[in-house]
Amino acid sequence: MRVLVVDDEIDILTTIADQLSLESILVDCAYNGVQATNLALENNYDVIVLDIMMPKLNGIDTCQRMRANGCIVPIIFLTARDTLQDKITGFNSGCDDYLVKPFAMDELLCRINALSNRTSRQSISQTRFGELRLDIDSMLIYRNEKLLNLNHIQYKLLKHLIIHAPKVLTKEQLTYEIWKDELPESDSLRSHLYQLRKIMDKPYTFEMLETVRGKGYRLIENSES
């Protein structure tokens, strides 16, 4: 099992990481929401343990950003906020569990194991939308069972679109998915989408990648969608 632990308090972060390591759990650590988001989108985790009160980007906003960018890993919030409204806000932001500080380490371990043992959405290695099939384990995408020859950026773009299909994704969401906070100087996204269309749409009877004017981009299942 691999867990991402996020907390700006070094003592708490170290204590949790040490205890999880004793349970033979692989642990990555982050000290703020920006760092945590980058790690969550670059790596595969079974569970994320996320503090709410943090600098740069608080836990609520971090959770929302992760979910908006396709992160489906179960998230446990750690927080001293214990009112009902606090918990409602936490769950509405996309978390899967909520643990109030101070807490017993045994309870945290139980909650991590419970979330990890569930049929995780991320454990599903095959994702389909219309004629497209995404094989997450092998990092390959097929259309009508024919392999699409995609480079790294094209794969990340199409994977993100498939996971969220048929939802419209904005230019900003797609740009962040590829380049995070290091935005390119030119309009590189447009060029990559043009090349992606040539590979995934031109050889076929209809185009699945649709531009929604003034909003962004999405995938459609057929020409009548």
C-alpha atoms as a PDB file:
ATOM      1  CA  MET A   1       0.000   0.000   0.000  1.00  0.00           C
ATOM      2  CA  ARG A   2       1.164   3.535  -0.768  1.00  0.00           C
ATOM      3  CA  VAL A   3      -0.141   6.537   1.169  1.00  0.00           C
ATOM      4  CA  LEU A   4       0.351  10.277   0.751  1.00  0.00           C
ATOM      5  CA  VAL A   5       0.354  12.174   4.076  1.00  0.00           C
ATOM      6  CA  VAL A   6      -0.126  15.950   3.959  1.00  0.00           C
ATOM      7  CA  ASP A   7       0.344  18.213   6.984  1.00  0.00           C
ATOM      8  CA  ASP A   8       2.257  21.445   7.590  1.00  0.00           C
ATOM      9  CA  GLU A   9       3.013  20.462  11.197  1.00  0.00           C
ATOM     10  CA  ILE A  10       6.274  18.542  10.946  1.00  0.00           C
ATOM     11  CA  ASP A  11       5.843  16.652  14.238  1.00  0.00           C
ATOM     12  CA  ILE A  12       2.425  15.308  13.233  1.00  0.00           C
ATOM     13  CA  LEU A  13       3.598  14.502   9.726  1.00  0.00           C
ATOM     14  CA  THR A  14       6.661  12.623  11.002  1.00  0.00           C
ATOM     15  CA  THR A  15       4.677  10.697  13.614  1.00  0.00           C
ATOM     16  CA  ILE A  16       2.093   9.516  11.087  1.00  0.00           C
ATOM     17  CA  ALA A  17       4.731   8.634   8.506  1.00  0.00           C
ATOM     18  CA  ASP A  18       6.786   6.646  11.032  1.00  0.00           C
ATOM     19  CA  GLN A  19       3.761   4.698  12.279  1.00  0.00           C
ATOM     20  CA  LEU A  20       2.598   3.850   8.777  1.00  0.00           C
ATOM     21  CA  SER A  21       6.097   2.746   7.822  1.00  0.00           C
ATOM     22  CA  LEU A  22       6.094   0.332  10.778  1.00  0.00           C
ATOM     23  CA  GLU A  23       3.011  -1.241   9.175  1.00  0.00           C
ATOM     24  CA  SER A  24       4.991  -1.766   5.940  1.00  0.00           C
ATOM     25  CA  ILE A  25       3.102   1.050   4.221  1.00  0.00           C
ATOM     26  CA  LEU A  26       5.007   3.150   1.689  1.00  0.00           C
ATOM     27  CA  VAL A  27       4.661   6.819   2.622  1.00  0.00           C
ATOM     28  CA  ASP A  28       5.167  10.035   0.673  1.00  0.00           C
ATOM     29  CA  CYS A  29       4.965  13.348   2.528  1.00  0.00           C
ATOM     30  CA  ALA A  30       3.853  16.843   1.541  1.00  0.00           C
ATOM     31  CA  TYR A  31       3.878  20.057   3.599  1.00  0.00           C
ATOM     32  CA  ASN A  32       1.295  22.113   1.718  1.00  0.00           C
ATOM     33  CA  GLY A  33      -1.616  21.779  -0.672  1.00  0.00           C
ATOM     34  CA  VAL A  34       0.258  22.769  -3.822  1.00  0.00           C
ATOM     35  CA  GLN A  35       2.936  20.141  -3.262  1.00  0.00           C
ATOM     36  CA  ALA A  36       0.282  17.562  -2.345  1.00  0.00           C
ATOM     37  CA  THR A  37      -1.733  18.197  -5.515  1.00  0.00           C
ATOM     38  CA  ASN A  38       1.312  17.757  -7.730  1.00  0.00           C
ATOM     39  CA  LEU A  39       2.257  14.488  -6.022  1.00  0.00           C
ATOM     40  CA  ALA A  40      -1.312  13.145  -6.165  1.00  0.00           C
ATOM     41  CA  LEU A  41      -1.573  13.793  -9.894  1.00  0.00           C
ATOM     42  CA  GLU A  42       1.872  12.373 -10.684  1.00  0.00           C
ATOM     43  CA  ASN A  43       1.763   9.172  -8.602  1.00  0.00           C
ATOM     44  CA  ASN A  44      -0.576   6.294  -7.766  1.00  0.00           C
ATOM     45  CA  TYR A  45      -1.706   6.224  -4.126  1.00  0.00           C
ATOM     46  CA  ASP A  46      -4.132   3.963  -2.302  1.00  0.00           C
ATOM     47  CA  VAL A  47      -5.137   6.605   0.266  1.00  0.00           C
ATOM     48  CA  ILE A  48      -4.395  10.289   0.891  1.00  0.00           C
ATOM     49  CA  VAL A  49      -4.334  11.627   4.469  1.00  0.00           C
ATOM     50  CA  LEU A  50      -4.923  15.369   4.210  1.00  0.00           C
ATOM     51  CA  ASP A  51      -4.821  18.080   6.875  1.00  0.00           C
ATOM     52  CA  ILE A  52      -7.291  20.934   6.376  1.00  0.00           C
ATOM     53  CA  MET A  53      -5.462  23.898   7.922  1.00  0.00           C
ATOM     54  CA  MET A  54      -2.412  24.466   5.702  1.00  0.00           C
ATOM     55  CA  PRO A  55      -0.592  27.379   4.063  1.00  0.00           C
ATOM     56  CA  LYS A  56      -0.630  28.152   0.316  1.00  0.00           C
ATOM     57  CA  LEU A  57      -3.652  25.935  -0.316  1.00  0.00           C
ATOM     58  CA  ASN A  58      -5.882  24.612   2.472  1.00  0.00           C
ATOM     59  CA  GLY A  59      -7.141  21.045   2.601  1.00  0.00           C
ATOM     60  CA  ILE A  60     -10.631  21.853   1.309  1.00  0.00           C
ATOM     61  CA  ASP A  61      -9.296  23.656  -1.756  1.00  0.00           C
ATOM     62  CA  THR A  62      -6.619  20.998  -2.225  1.00  0.00           C
ATOM     63  CA  CYS A  63      -9.223  18.233  -2.231  1.00  0.00           C
ATOM     64  CA  GLN A  64     -11.396  20.119  -4.708  1.00  0.00           C
ATOM     65  CA  ARG A  65      -8.414  20.747  -6.998  1.00  0.00           C
ATOM     66  CA  MET A  66      -7.425  17.065  -6.880  1.00  0.00           C
ATOM     67  CA  ARG A  67     -10.949  15.943  -7.745  1.00  0.00           C
ATOM     68  CA  ALA A  68     -11.287  18.526 -10.516  1.00  0.00           C
ATOM     69  CA  ASN A  69      -8.103  17.178 -12.080  1.00  0.00           C
ATOM     70  CA  GLY A  70      -9.157  13.545 -12.061  1.00  0.00           C
ATOM     71  CA  CYS A  71      -7.708  12.291  -8.776  1.00  0.00           C
ATOM     72  CA  ILE A  72     -10.023   9.518  -7.515  1.00  0.00           C
ATOM     73  CA  VAL A  73      -7.919   8.261  -4.593  1.00  0.00           C
ATOM     74  CA  PRO A  74      -9.814   7.990  -1.265  1.00  0.00           C
ATOM     75  CA  ILE A  75      -9.055  11.023   0.939  1.00  0.00           C
ATOM     76  CA  ILE A  76      -9.169  11.193   4.746  1.00  0.00           C
ATOM     77  CA  PHE A  77      -9.335  14.674   6.242  1.00  0.00           C
ATOM     78  CA  LEU A  78      -7.479  15.373   9.483  1.00  0.00           C
ATOM     79  CA  THR A  79      -8.670  18.457  11.327  1.00  0.00           C
ATOM     80  CA  ALA A  80      -9.392  20.034  14.699  1.00  0.00           C
ATOM     81  CA  ARG A  81     -12.676  21.357  13.270  1.00  0.00           C
ATOM     82  CA  ASP A  82     -15.387  19.119  14.657  1.00  0.00           C
ATOM     83  CA  THR A  83     -18.733  20.822  14.042  1.00  0.00           C
ATOM     84  CA  LEU A  84     -21.364  19.205  11.846  1.00  0.00           C
ATOM     85  CA  GLN A  85     -21.057  22.014   9.300  1.00  0.00           C
ATOM     86  CA  ASP A  86     -17.285  21.496   9.136  1.00  0.00           C
ATOM     87  CA  LYS A  87     -17.838  17.818   8.350  1.00  0.00           C
ATOM     88  CA  ILE A  88     -20.497  18.592   5.746  1.00  0.00           C
ATOM     89  CA  THR A  89     -18.126  21.053   4.069  1.00  0.00           C
ATOM     90  CA  GLY A  90     -15.397  18.424   4.088  1.00  0.00           C
ATOM     91  CA  PHE A  91     -17.509  15.714   2.497  1.00  0.00           C
ATOM     92  CA  ASN A  92     -18.967  18.139  -0.039  1.00  0.00           C
ATOM     93  CA  SER A  93     -15.447  19.033  -1.149  1.00  0.00           C
ATOM     94  CA  GLY A  94     -14.824  15.404  -2.114  1.00  0.00           C
ATOM     95  CA  CYS A  95     -13.301  13.637   0.888  1.00  0.00           C
ATOM     96  CA  ASP A  96     -14.185  10.023   1.762  1.00  0.00           C
ATOM     97  CA  ASP A  97     -13.563  10.119   5.529  1.00  0.00           C
ATOM     98  CA  TYR A  98     -13.077  12.680   8.288  1.00  0.00           C
ATOM     99  CA  LEU A  99     -10.994  12.245  11.448  1.00  0.00           C
ATOM    100  CA  VAL A 100     -10.910  14.875  14.198  1.00  0.00           C
ATOM    101  CA  LYS A 101      -7.686  15.775  16.021  1.00  0.00           C
ATOM    102  CA  PRO A 102      -6.495  14.571  18.446  1.00  0.00           C
ATOM    103  CA  PHE A 103      -6.918  11.009  17.226  1.00  0.00           C
ATOM    104  CA  ALA A 104      -5.571   7.562  18.081  1.00  0.00           C
ATOM    105  CA  MET A 105      -3.075   6.223  15.559  1.00  0.00           C
ATOM    106  CA  ASP A 106      -4.810   2.825  15.635  1.00  0.00           C
ATOM    107  CA  GLU A 107      -8.016   4.486  14.473  1.00  0.00           C
ATOM    108  CA  LEU A 108      -6.248   6.229  11.606  1.00  0.00           C
ATOM    109  CA  LEU A 109      -4.699   2.908  10.561  1.00  0.00           C
ATOM    110  CA  CYS A 110      -8.106   1.233  10.626  1.00  0.00           C
ATOM    111  CA  ARG A 111      -9.618   3.951   8.464  1.00  0.00           C
ATOM    112  CA  ILE A 112      -6.733   3.808   5.972  1.00  0.00           C
ATOM    113  CA  ASN A 113      -7.047   0.032   5.688  1.00  0.00           C
ATOM    114  CA  ALA A 114     -10.833   0.234   5.320  1.00  0.00           C
ATOM    115  CA  LEU A 115     -10.599   2.719   2.444  1.00  0.00           C
ATOM    116  CA  SER A 116      -7.778   0.815   0.784  1.00  0.00           C
ATOM    117  CA  ASN A 117      -9.663  -2.478   0.957  1.00  0.00           C
ATOM    118  CA  ARG A 118     -12.746  -1.111  -0.725  1.00  0.00           C
ATOM    119  CA  THR A 119     -13.217  -1.655  -4.434  1.00  0.00           C
ATOM    120  CA  SER A 120     -11.343   1.471  -5.349  1.00  0.00           C
ATOM    121  CA  ARG A 121     -12.319   3.426  -8.411  1.00  0.00           C
ATOM    122  CA  GLN A 122      -8.649   3.694  -9.227  1.00  0.00           C
ATOM    123  CA  SER A 123      -8.147  -0.078  -9.130  1.00  0.00           C
ATOM    124  CA  ILE A 124     -10.301  -0.435 -12.226  1.00  0.00           C
ATOM    125  CA  SER A 125      -7.611  -0.680 -14.877  1.00  0.00           C
ATOM    126  CA  GLN A 126      -9.970  -0.559 -17.862  1.00  0.00           C
ATOM    127  CA  THR A 127     -12.081   2.533 -18.528  1.00  0.00           C
ATOM    128  CA  ARG A 128     -14.339   2.869 -21.560  1.00  0.00           C
ATOM    129  CA  PHE A 129     -16.177   5.732 -23.203  1.00  0.00           C
ATOM    130  CA  GLY A 130     -17.878   5.104 -26.505  1.00  0.00           C
ATOM    131  CA  GLU A 131     -15.347   3.654 -28.950  1.00  0.00           C
ATOM    132  CA  LEU A 132     -12.424   4.509 -26.654  1.00  0.00           C
ATOM    133  CA  ARG A 133     -10.796   2.105 -24.194  1.00  0.00           C
ATOM    134  CA  LEU A 134      -8.231   3.331 -21.672  1.00  0.00           C
ATOM    135  CA  ASP A 135      -5.873   0.749 -20.164  1.00  0.00           C
ATOM    136  CA  ILE A 136      -4.467   2.554 -17.134  1.00  0.00           C
ATOM    137  CA  ASP A 137      -1.962  -0.156 -16.171  1.00  0.00           C
ATOM    138  CA  SER A 138      -0.264  -0.251 -19.577  1.00  0.00           C
ATOM    139  CA  MET A 139      -0.874   3.469 -20.301  1.00  0.00           C
ATOM    140  CA  LEU A 140      -2.426   2.680 -23.673  1.00  0.00           C
ATOM    141  CA  ILE A 141      -5.600   3.954 -25.359  1.00  0.00           C
ATOM    142  CA  TYR A 142      -7.543   2.211 -28.113  1.00  0.00           C
ATOM    143  CA  ARG A 143     -10.319   3.279 -30.455  1.00  0.00           C
ATOM    144  CA  ASN A 144     -12.399   0.424 -31.847  1.00  0.00           C
ATOM    145  CA  GLU A 145      -9.683  -1.802 -30.349  1.00  0.00           C
ATOM    146  CA  LYS A 146      -7.030  -0.199 -32.555  1.00  0.00           C
ATOM    147  CA  LEU A 147      -4.093   1.212 -30.606  1.00  0.00           C
ATOM    148  CA  LEU A 148      -3.713   4.980 -30.820  1.00  0.00           C
ATOM    149  CA  ASN A 149      -0.083   6.000 -31.246  1.00  0.00           C
ATOM    150  CA  LEU A 150       0.052   8.840 -28.718  1.00  0.00           C
ATOM    151  CA  ASN A 151       2.971  10.708 -27.218  1.00  0.00           C
ATOM    152  CA  HIS A 152       3.108  11.419 -23.473  1.00  0.00           C
ATOM    153  CA  ILE A 153       1.187  14.700 -23.573  1.00  0.00           C
ATOM    154  CA  GLN A 154      -1.453  13.385 -25.956  1.00  0.00           C
ATOM    155  CA  TYR A 155      -1.972  10.374 -23.693  1.00  0.00           C
ATOM    156  CA  LYS A 156      -2.409  12.564 -20.602  1.00  0.00           C
ATOM    157  CA  LEU A 157      -4.873  14.824 -22.396  1.00  0.00           C
ATOM    158  CA  LEU A 158      -6.997  11.974 -23.729  1.00  0.00           C
ATOM    159  CA  LYS A 159      -6.865  10.061 -20.441  1.00  0.00           C
ATOM    160  CA  HIS A 160      -8.128  13.138 -18.591  1.00  0.00           C
ATOM    161  CA  LEU A 161     -10.918  13.646 -21.122  1.00  0.00           C
ATOM    162  CA  ILE A 162     -11.970   9.972 -20.924  1.00  0.00           C
ATOM    163  CA  ILE A 163     -12.052   9.938 -17.127  1.00  0.00           C
ATOM    164  CA  HIS A 164     -14.318  13.001 -17.081  1.00  0.00           C
ATOM    165  CA  ALA A 165     -16.350  12.232 -20.222  1.00  0.00           C
ATOM    166  CA  PRO A 166     -18.751  13.601 -21.314  1.00  0.00           C
ATOM    167  CA  LYS A 167     -18.071  16.565 -19.006  1.00  0.00           C
ATOM    168  CA  VAL A 168     -16.708  19.735 -20.618  1.00  0.00           C
ATOM    169  CA  LEU A 169     -13.176  20.531 -19.446  1.00  0.00           C
ATOM    170  CA  THR A 170     -11.912  24.085 -19.699  1.00  0.00           C
ATOM    171  CA  LYS A 171      -8.685  25.113 -21.362  1.00  0.00           C
ATOM    172  CA  GLU A 172      -7.354  26.003 -17.900  1.00  0.00           C
ATOM    173  CA  GLN A 173      -8.148  22.543 -16.489  1.00  0.00           C
ATOM    174  CA  LEU A 174      -6.424  20.761 -19.368  1.00  0.00           C
ATOM    175  CA  THR A 175      -3.433  23.105 -19.250  1.00  0.00           C
ATOM    176  CA  TYR A 176      -3.004  22.493 -15.514  1.00  0.00           C
ATOM    177  CA  GLU A 177      -3.268  18.735 -16.038  1.00  0.00           C
ATOM    178  CA  ILE A 178      -0.278  18.777 -18.391  1.00  0.00           C
ATOM    179  CA  TRP A 179       1.960  21.552 -17.078  1.00  0.00           C
ATOM    180  CA  LYS A 180       0.710  22.097 -13.508  1.00  0.00           C
ATOM    181  CA  ASP A 181       1.839  25.566 -12.338  1.00  0.00           C
ATOM    182  CA  GLU A 182       4.649  25.825 -14.924  1.00  0.00           C
ATOM    183  CA  LEU A 183       2.496  27.185 -17.728  1.00  0.00           C
ATOM    184  CA  PRO A 184       3.941  27.257 -21.261  1.00  0.00           C
ATOM    185  CA  GLU A 185       4.610  30.629 -22.865  1.00  0.00           C
ATOM    186  CA  SER A 186       2.786  29.808 -26.106  1.00  0.00           C
ATOM    187  CA  ASP A 187      -0.619  28.261 -26.704  1.00  0.00           C
ATOM    188  CA  SER A 188       0.844  24.747 -26.725  1.00  0.00           C
ATOM    189  CA  LEU A 189      -2.453  23.156 -25.691  1.00  0.00           C
ATOM    190  CA  ARG A 190      -4.114  24.080 -29.002  1.00  0.00           C
ATOM    191  CA  SER A 191      -1.289  22.449 -30.942  1.00  0.00           C
ATOM    192  CA  HIS A 192      -1.422  19.244 -28.895  1.00  0.00           C
ATOM    193  CA  LEU A 193      -5.207  19.023 -29.268  1.00  0.00           C
ATOM    194  CA  TYR A 194      -4.881  19.490 -33.036  1.00  0.00           C
ATOM    195  CA  GLN A 195      -2.403  16.609 -33.240  1.00  0.00           C
ATOM    196  CA  LEU A 196      -4.586  14.494 -30.947  1.00  0.00           C
ATOM    197  CA  ARG A 197      -7.572  15.015 -33.253  1.00  0.00           C
ATOM    198  CA  LYS A 198      -5.540  13.853 -36.270  1.00  0.00           C
ATOM    199  CA  ILE A 199      -4.703  10.605 -34.474  1.00  0.00           C
ATOM    200  CA  MET A 200      -7.970   9.747 -32.731  1.00  0.00           C
ATOM    201  CA  ASP A 201     -10.599  11.226 -35.071  1.00  0.00           C
ATOM    202  CA  LYS A 202      -9.459  11.673 -38.684  1.00  0.00           C
ATOM    203  CA  PRO A 203      -9.243   7.938 -39.551  1.00  0.00           C
ATOM    204  CA  TYR A 204     -12.749   7.281 -38.193  1.00  0.00           C
ATOM    205  CA  THR A 205     -16.326   7.966 -39.274  1.00  0.00           C
ATOM    206  CA  PHE A 206     -17.004  10.728 -36.726  1.00  0.00           C
ATOM    207  CA  GLU A 207     -15.095  13.000 -34.383  1.00  0.00           C
ATOM    208  CA  MET A 208     -15.225  12.220 -30.667  1.00  0.00           C
ATOM    209  CA  LEU A 209     -13.210  15.231 -29.500  1.00  0.00           C
ATOM    210  CA  GLU A 210     -15.552  18.206 -29.541  1.00  0.00           C
ATOM    211  CA  THR A 211     -14.828  21.899 -28.995  1.00  0.00           C
ATOM    212  CA  VAL A 212     -17.569  23.583 -26.985  1.00  0.00           C
ATOM    213  CA  ARG A 213     -17.321  27.230 -27.985  1.00  0.00           C
ATOM    214  CA  GLY A 214     -16.564  29.529 -25.073  1.00  0.00           C
ATOM    215  CA  LYS A 215     -16.382  26.647 -22.587  1.00  0.00           C
ATOM    216  CA  GLY A 216     -13.735  24.065 -23.453  1.00  0.00           C
ATOM    217  CA  TYR A 217     -13.473  20.522 -24.760  1.00  0.00           C
ATOM    218  CA  ARG A 218     -15.225  17.214 -24.250  1.00  0.00           C
ATOM    219  CA  LEU A 219     -15.626  13.720 -25.677  1.00  0.00           C
ATOM    220  CA  ILE A 220     -18.859  12.564 -27.279  1.00  0.00           C
ATOM    221  CA  GLU A 221     -19.911   8.945 -27.822  1.00  0.00           C
ATOM    222  CA  ASN A 222     -21.285   9.336 -31.343  1.00  0.00           C
ATOM    223  CA  SER A 223     -22.020  11.926 -33.991  1.00  0.00           C
ATOM    224  CA  GLU A 224     -25.512  12.522 -32.578  1.00  0.00           C
ATOM    225  CA  SER A 225     -24.389  13.283 -28.984  1.00  0.00           C
END
